[in-house]
Protein backbone atom coordinates (compact mmCIF):
# COMPACT_ATOMS: atom_id res chain seq x y z
CA MET A 1 -29.58 -5.65 -12.53
CA ALA A 2 -27.66 -8.64 -12.89
CA LEU A 3 -26.76 -7.30 -16.61
CA ARG A 4 -25.08 -4.19 -14.72
CA THR A 5 -23.09 -6.38 -12.28
CA CYS A 6 -21.94 -8.44 -15.07
CA SER A 7 -21.00 -5.55 -17.26
CA LEU A 8 -19.14 -3.71 -14.28
CA CYS A 9 -17.09 -7.41 -13.44
CA PHE A 10 -16.09 -7.29 -16.94
CA ALA A 11 -15.23 -3.97 -16.88
CA GLY A 12 -13.19 -4.32 -14.18
CA LEU A 13 -11.14 -7.61 -15.15
CA CYS A 14 -10.12 -6.25 -18.29
CA LEU A 15 -8.72 -3.37 -16.45
CA LEU A 16 -7.16 -5.32 -13.83
CA LEU A 17 -5.54 -7.30 -17.30
CA ALA A 18 -4.91 -4.01 -19.27
CA TRP A 19 -3.91 -1.52 -16.49
CA VAL A 20 -0.57 0.52 -17.04
CA PRO A 21 0.50 3.05 -15.44
CA PRO A 22 -0.29 6.89 -15.93
CA LEU A 23 1.54 8.43 -18.78
CA PRO A 24 3.94 11.41 -17.87
CA GLY A 25 1.91 14.66 -18.18
CA GLU A 26 -1.28 13.42 -17.91
CA GLN A 27 -3.45 15.39 -15.07
CA PRO A 28 -3.80 14.36 -11.66
CA ASN A 29 -6.44 13.35 -9.81
CA GLN A 30 -8.61 12.36 -12.25
CA LEU A 31 -10.54 9.07 -13.43
CA THR A 32 -10.36 7.46 -17.22
CA SER A 33 -13.24 6.25 -18.78
CA ALA A 34 -11.92 2.82 -18.01
CA GLU A 35 -11.67 3.38 -14.38
CA ARG A 36 -15.14 4.73 -13.87
CA ALA A 37 -16.61 2.08 -16.08
CA ALA A 38 -14.60 -0.17 -13.37
CA GLY A 39 -16.35 1.39 -10.79
CA PHE A 40 -13.49 3.40 -9.25
CA ARG A 41 -13.89 6.54 -6.79
CA LEU A 42 -11.67 9.32 -6.66
CA LEU A 43 -10.59 9.76 -2.73
CA PHE A 44 -8.71 13.00 -3.11
CA ASP A 45 -9.74 15.76 -5.77
CA GLY A 46 -6.54 17.43 -5.58
CA LYS A 47 -7.87 20.65 -4.04
CA SER A 48 -9.33 20.05 -0.50
CA PHE A 49 -9.16 17.66 2.49
CA ASN A 50 -12.83 16.28 1.87
CA GLY A 51 -12.98 13.39 3.19
CA TRP A 52 -9.88 13.57 5.02
CA LYS A 53 -9.11 13.76 8.63
CA GLN A 54 -5.55 14.80 9.93
CA GLN A 55 -4.00 16.60 13.11
CA GLY A 56 -2.96 20.21 10.85
CA ASN A 57 0.16 18.69 9.37
CA TRP A 58 -0.60 17.74 6.10
CA THR A 59 -1.19 20.68 3.39
CA ILE A 60 -2.24 20.35 -0.27
CA VAL A 61 1.01 21.19 -2.67
CA GLU A 62 0.89 21.49 -6.50
CA GLN A 63 -2.62 19.02 -6.22
CA ALA A 64 -1.07 16.69 -3.76
CA LEU A 65 -0.97 15.69 -0.29
CA TYR A 66 1.92 16.40 1.66
CA SER A 67 3.71 15.96 4.89
CA GLY A 68 7.17 16.81 5.78
CA ARG A 69 7.23 18.04 9.35
CA GLY A 70 5.52 15.35 11.67
CA GLY A 71 2.33 15.48 13.60
CA GLY A 72 0.44 12.22 12.84
CA GLY A 73 -1.07 10.43 9.75
CA LEU A 74 -3.89 11.36 7.10
CA THR A 75 -7.02 8.98 7.35
CA CYS A 76 -9.61 8.99 4.63
CA VAL A 77 -12.79 9.17 6.35
CA ALA A 78 -15.13 9.19 2.97
CA LYS A 79 -14.82 5.55 2.60
CA GLN A 80 -13.72 2.47 4.55
CA ILE A 81 -11.57 -0.44 2.77
CA PRO A 82 -13.82 -3.08 1.16
CA ASP A 83 -12.81 -6.69 1.99
CA ASP A 84 -12.48 -7.19 -1.64
CA PHE A 85 -10.66 -4.09 -3.52
CA GLU A 86 -8.21 -2.60 -5.98
CA LEU A 87 -6.33 0.81 -4.60
CA ARG A 88 -4.42 2.89 -6.99
CA PHE A 89 -2.24 5.79 -6.04
CA GLN A 90 0.99 7.91 -6.90
CA TRP A 91 3.40 8.40 -4.33
CA LYS A 92 6.82 10.46 -4.53
CA VAL A 93 9.54 10.48 -1.84
CA ALA A 94 12.55 12.84 -0.65
CA ARG A 95 16.19 11.84 0.24
CA GLY A 96 15.87 8.95 2.74
CA SER A 97 12.06 9.43 3.25
CA ASN A 98 9.98 7.02 4.67
CA SER A 99 6.15 6.24 4.83
CA GLY A 100 3.48 3.92 4.12
CA VAL A 101 -0.34 2.73 3.19
CA TYR A 102 -2.40 1.53 5.52
CA TYR A 103 -5.31 -0.55 4.04
CA ARG A 104 -6.17 -3.18 6.62
CA PRO A 105 -6.32 -3.53 10.49
CA GLY A 106 -3.14 -3.77 12.68
CA GLN A 107 0.19 -3.51 10.79
CA TYR A 108 -0.86 -3.77 7.35
CA GLU A 109 0.91 -1.70 5.49
CA TYR A 110 2.42 -0.73 1.49
CA GLN A 111 5.80 0.32 2.19
CA ILE A 112 6.60 4.15 0.84
CA LEU A 113 10.36 4.41 1.01
CA ASP A 114 13.37 5.74 -0.63
CA ASN A 115 15.40 2.53 -0.90
CA ALA A 116 18.77 3.92 -1.61
CA VAL A 117 19.29 5.86 1.46
CA HIS A 118 16.88 4.47 4.16
CA ILE A 119 18.15 1.80 6.12
CA ASP A 120 15.04 -0.33 5.49
CA GLY A 121 15.84 -0.17 1.99
CA LYS A 122 18.60 -2.78 2.85
CA ASN A 123 16.25 -5.64 3.54
CA PRO A 124 13.67 -6.60 0.65
CA ARG A 125 11.09 -7.19 3.73
CA THR A 126 10.88 -3.59 4.31
CA SER A 127 11.68 -1.98 1.43
CA ALA A 128 9.61 0.09 -0.93
CA ALA A 129 6.46 -1.92 -1.99
CA SER A 130 6.66 -4.48 0.43
CA LEU A 131 4.43 -5.76 2.79
CA TYR A 132 6.07 -4.49 5.39
CA PHE A 133 7.71 -7.16 7.82
CA CYS A 134 6.24 -9.43 5.89
CA MET A 135 6.38 -10.32 2.26
CA ALA A 136 9.39 -8.66 0.29
CA PRO A 137 8.69 -7.21 -3.34
CA SER A 138 10.55 -9.57 -6.04
CA ARG A 139 12.73 -6.77 -7.03
CA ASP A 140 13.30 -3.13 -6.57
CA VAL A 141 11.55 -1.33 -9.31
CA THR A 142 11.19 2.18 -7.95
CA ARG A 143 11.63 5.67 -9.46
CA PRO A 144 14.57 8.35 -8.88
CA VAL A 145 14.05 10.29 -5.76
CA GLY A 146 11.72 13.28 -6.83
CA LYS A 147 9.57 11.24 -9.27
CA TRP A 148 6.31 10.31 -9.10
CA ASN A 149 5.91 6.48 -8.62
CA ASP A 150 2.46 4.60 -9.57
CA GLY A 151 1.18 2.25 -6.59
CA ARG A 152 -1.30 -0.29 -6.67
CA ILE A 153 -2.96 -2.83 -4.16
CA VAL A 154 -5.55 -5.58 -4.98
CA CYS A 155 -6.79 -7.91 -2.69
CA GLN A 156 -9.51 -10.93 -2.95
CA GLY A 157 -10.21 -13.71 -0.34
CA SER A 158 -6.48 -14.46 1.50
CA ILE A 159 -4.81 -13.04 -1.69
CA ILE A 160 -2.41 -10.42 -1.73
CA GLN A 161 -1.21 -8.25 -4.55
CA HIS A 162 1.03 -5.31 -4.66
CA TRP A 163 1.96 -3.55 -8.26
CA LEU A 164 4.85 -0.96 -8.21
CA ASN A 165 5.19 1.43 -11.85
CA GLY A 166 3.22 -1.21 -13.79
CA GLN A 167 5.09 -4.12 -12.32
CA LYS A 168 3.38 -6.84 -9.91
CA VAL A 169 6.20 -7.26 -7.32
CA ILE A 170 3.85 -8.96 -5.10
CA ASP A 171 1.26 -11.97 -5.35
CA PHE A 172 0.72 -14.61 -2.84
CA ASP A 173 -1.90 -15.97 -1.01
CA TYR A 174 -1.54 -16.24 3.10
CA THR A 175 -3.17 -19.56 3.71
CA ASP A 176 -0.45 -21.27 1.64
CA LYS A 177 1.64 -22.90 4.17
CA ARG A 178 4.87 -21.84 1.73
CA TRP A 179 4.62 -18.58 3.27
CA SER A 180 3.77 -19.67 7.42
CA GLN A 181 7.03 -17.92 8.24
CA PRO A 182 6.47 -14.61 7.07
CA VAL A 183 3.00 -14.65 8.18
CA ALA A 184 4.26 -15.28 11.41
CA LEU A 185 6.75 -12.70 11.28
CA LEU A 186 4.12 -10.30 10.83
CA LYS A 187 1.75 -11.49 13.61
CA LYS A 188 4.81 -11.15 16.17
CA ARG A 189 4.99 -7.81 15.01
CA GLY A 190 1.12 -7.20 15.22
CA GLY A 191 -0.18 -7.74 12.03
CA THR A 192 -3.06 -10.70 11.44
CA LEU A 193 -3.30 -10.88 7.51
CA SER A 194 -7.21 -12.35 8.21
CA ALA A 195 -8.46 -8.75 9.72
CA ARG A 196 -10.33 -6.61 7.54
CA GLY A 197 -12.42 -3.36 7.87
CA ARG A 198 -10.48 -0.09 8.20
CA ALA A 199 -10.29 3.25 6.67
CA LEU A 200 -7.17 3.90 4.53
CA PHE A 201 -4.35 5.68 6.39
CA LEU A 202 -1.17 7.44 5.30
CA GLN A 203 1.65 7.20 7.61
CA ASP A 204 3.75 10.14 8.47
CA HIS A 205 7.44 9.78 9.93
CA GLY A 206 7.91 13.23 9.62
CA ASP A 207 9.89 13.06 6.49
CA PRO A 208 8.74 14.76 2.94
CA VAL A 209 6.09 12.59 1.29
CA TRP A 210 3.22 13.21 -1.34
CA TYR A 211 0.24 11.48 -2.41
CA ARG A 212 -2.16 11.73 -5.49
CA THR A 213 -4.54 10.38 -7.91
CA ILE A 214 -5.68 7.78 -5.02
CA ARG A 215 -8.46 5.89 -6.29
CA LEU A 216 -10.51 3.19 -5.02
CA ARG A 217 -12.74 0.23 -5.92
CA THR A 218 -14.73 -2.82 -4.42
CA ILE A 219 -14.06 -6.06 -6.15
CA PRO A 220 -17.48 -7.49 -7.12
CA LYS A 221 -18.32 -11.26 -5.72
CA GLU A 222 -18.80 -12.12 -9.76
CA GLU A 223 -15.12 -11.00 -10.38
CA THR A 224 -12.25 -13.32 -9.99
CA ILE A 225 -8.88 -11.72 -9.90
CA PRO A 226 -6.21 -13.02 -11.71
CA HIS A 227 -3.25 -14.79 -9.67
CA GLN A 228 -0.37 -16.30 -10.34
CA THR A 229 2.39 -16.51 -7.42
CA VAL A 230 5.35 -13.94 -7.32
CA GLN A 231 8.41 -15.40 -5.91
CA PRO A 232 9.70 -12.46 -3.21
CA ALA A 233 13.20 -11.66 -3.32
CA LEU A 234 15.77 -13.46 -1.01
CA ILE A 235 16.51 -12.24 2.21
CA PRO A 236 20.44 -12.33 3.28
CA PRO A 237 21.72 -14.02 6.04
CA GLU A 238 23.12 -10.82 7.94
CA ILE A 239 19.48 -9.01 7.34
CA ARG A 240 17.93 -11.82 8.71
CA LYS A 241 19.69 -11.28 11.68
CA ALA A 242 19.35 -7.50 11.87
CA GLU A 243 15.62 -8.27 11.56
CA GLU A 244 15.34 -10.36 14.45
CA GLU A 245 17.07 -8.16 16.28
CA LYS A 246 14.48 -5.53 15.15
CA LEU A 247 11.88 -7.75 15.70
CA ARG A 248 13.32 -8.65 19.41
CA ARG A 249 13.16 -4.39 20.40
CA ILE A 250 9.43 -4.28 18.83
CA ILE A 251 8.54 -6.78 21.22
CA GLU A 252 10.47 -5.44 23.90
CA ASN A 253 8.83 -1.88 23.69
CA ARG A 254 5.36 -3.21 23.22
CA ARG A 255 6.23 -4.81 26.99
CA ARG A 256 7.13 -1.96 28.36
CA GLN A 257 4.12 0.01 26.89
CA LYS A 258 1.96 -2.38 28.70
CA ALA A 259 3.69 -1.80 31.60
CA ALA A 260 3.70 1.48 32.02
CA PRO A 261 1.48 3.42 34.59
């Protein structure tokens, strides 16, 4: 048993170091032999909603989960997100679309966005692949609207990594005092980075969005992920001012909701 655990750990570490996005033309919704060896599980089979719960507004189009008319998000009920994990998925959006991948309790979101058109694309902290309203990606490496993007989230302990199209754009330890300001900002919005334990949730804003090839693995205790802090993109002063106003509205709306009979 110990030998098997060690082998899985080694396979997972090698996969972390060597991972590249799928090549164009590769069949979606399949695990590679390396992913199987590392312990990945495929969460969507490309043809059914087995293991998923929704309100009826999501459909399956060309082997992808699709929503474009509003009605609620899509929840994976087959498996809860482990505390330490690696999640890989493909996504694409239409012009101006906005969505998100929620992977821990509260406002813990990998942003999905058309950066070029949607207003959130003006602020790096709310752009595609950001830890929404907390940590900005180092740069914009999104593909053109209508093209598939390869997303990846790796979390172990207090380290959070977001990847996009083979590039690591976020890597930080949220207990590091350097990041106290963005951590506090997210907490004001309603997110606590120490929170754990939720089902994977795909957000629906009523905009056309597609997801496929969603796979998840638990990172074993014996494995230590490679970690090197990535400097987030700078937030211009005028964007910070708009961000403060947006936060003020969020807090005010929350107060109104609590006060409502």
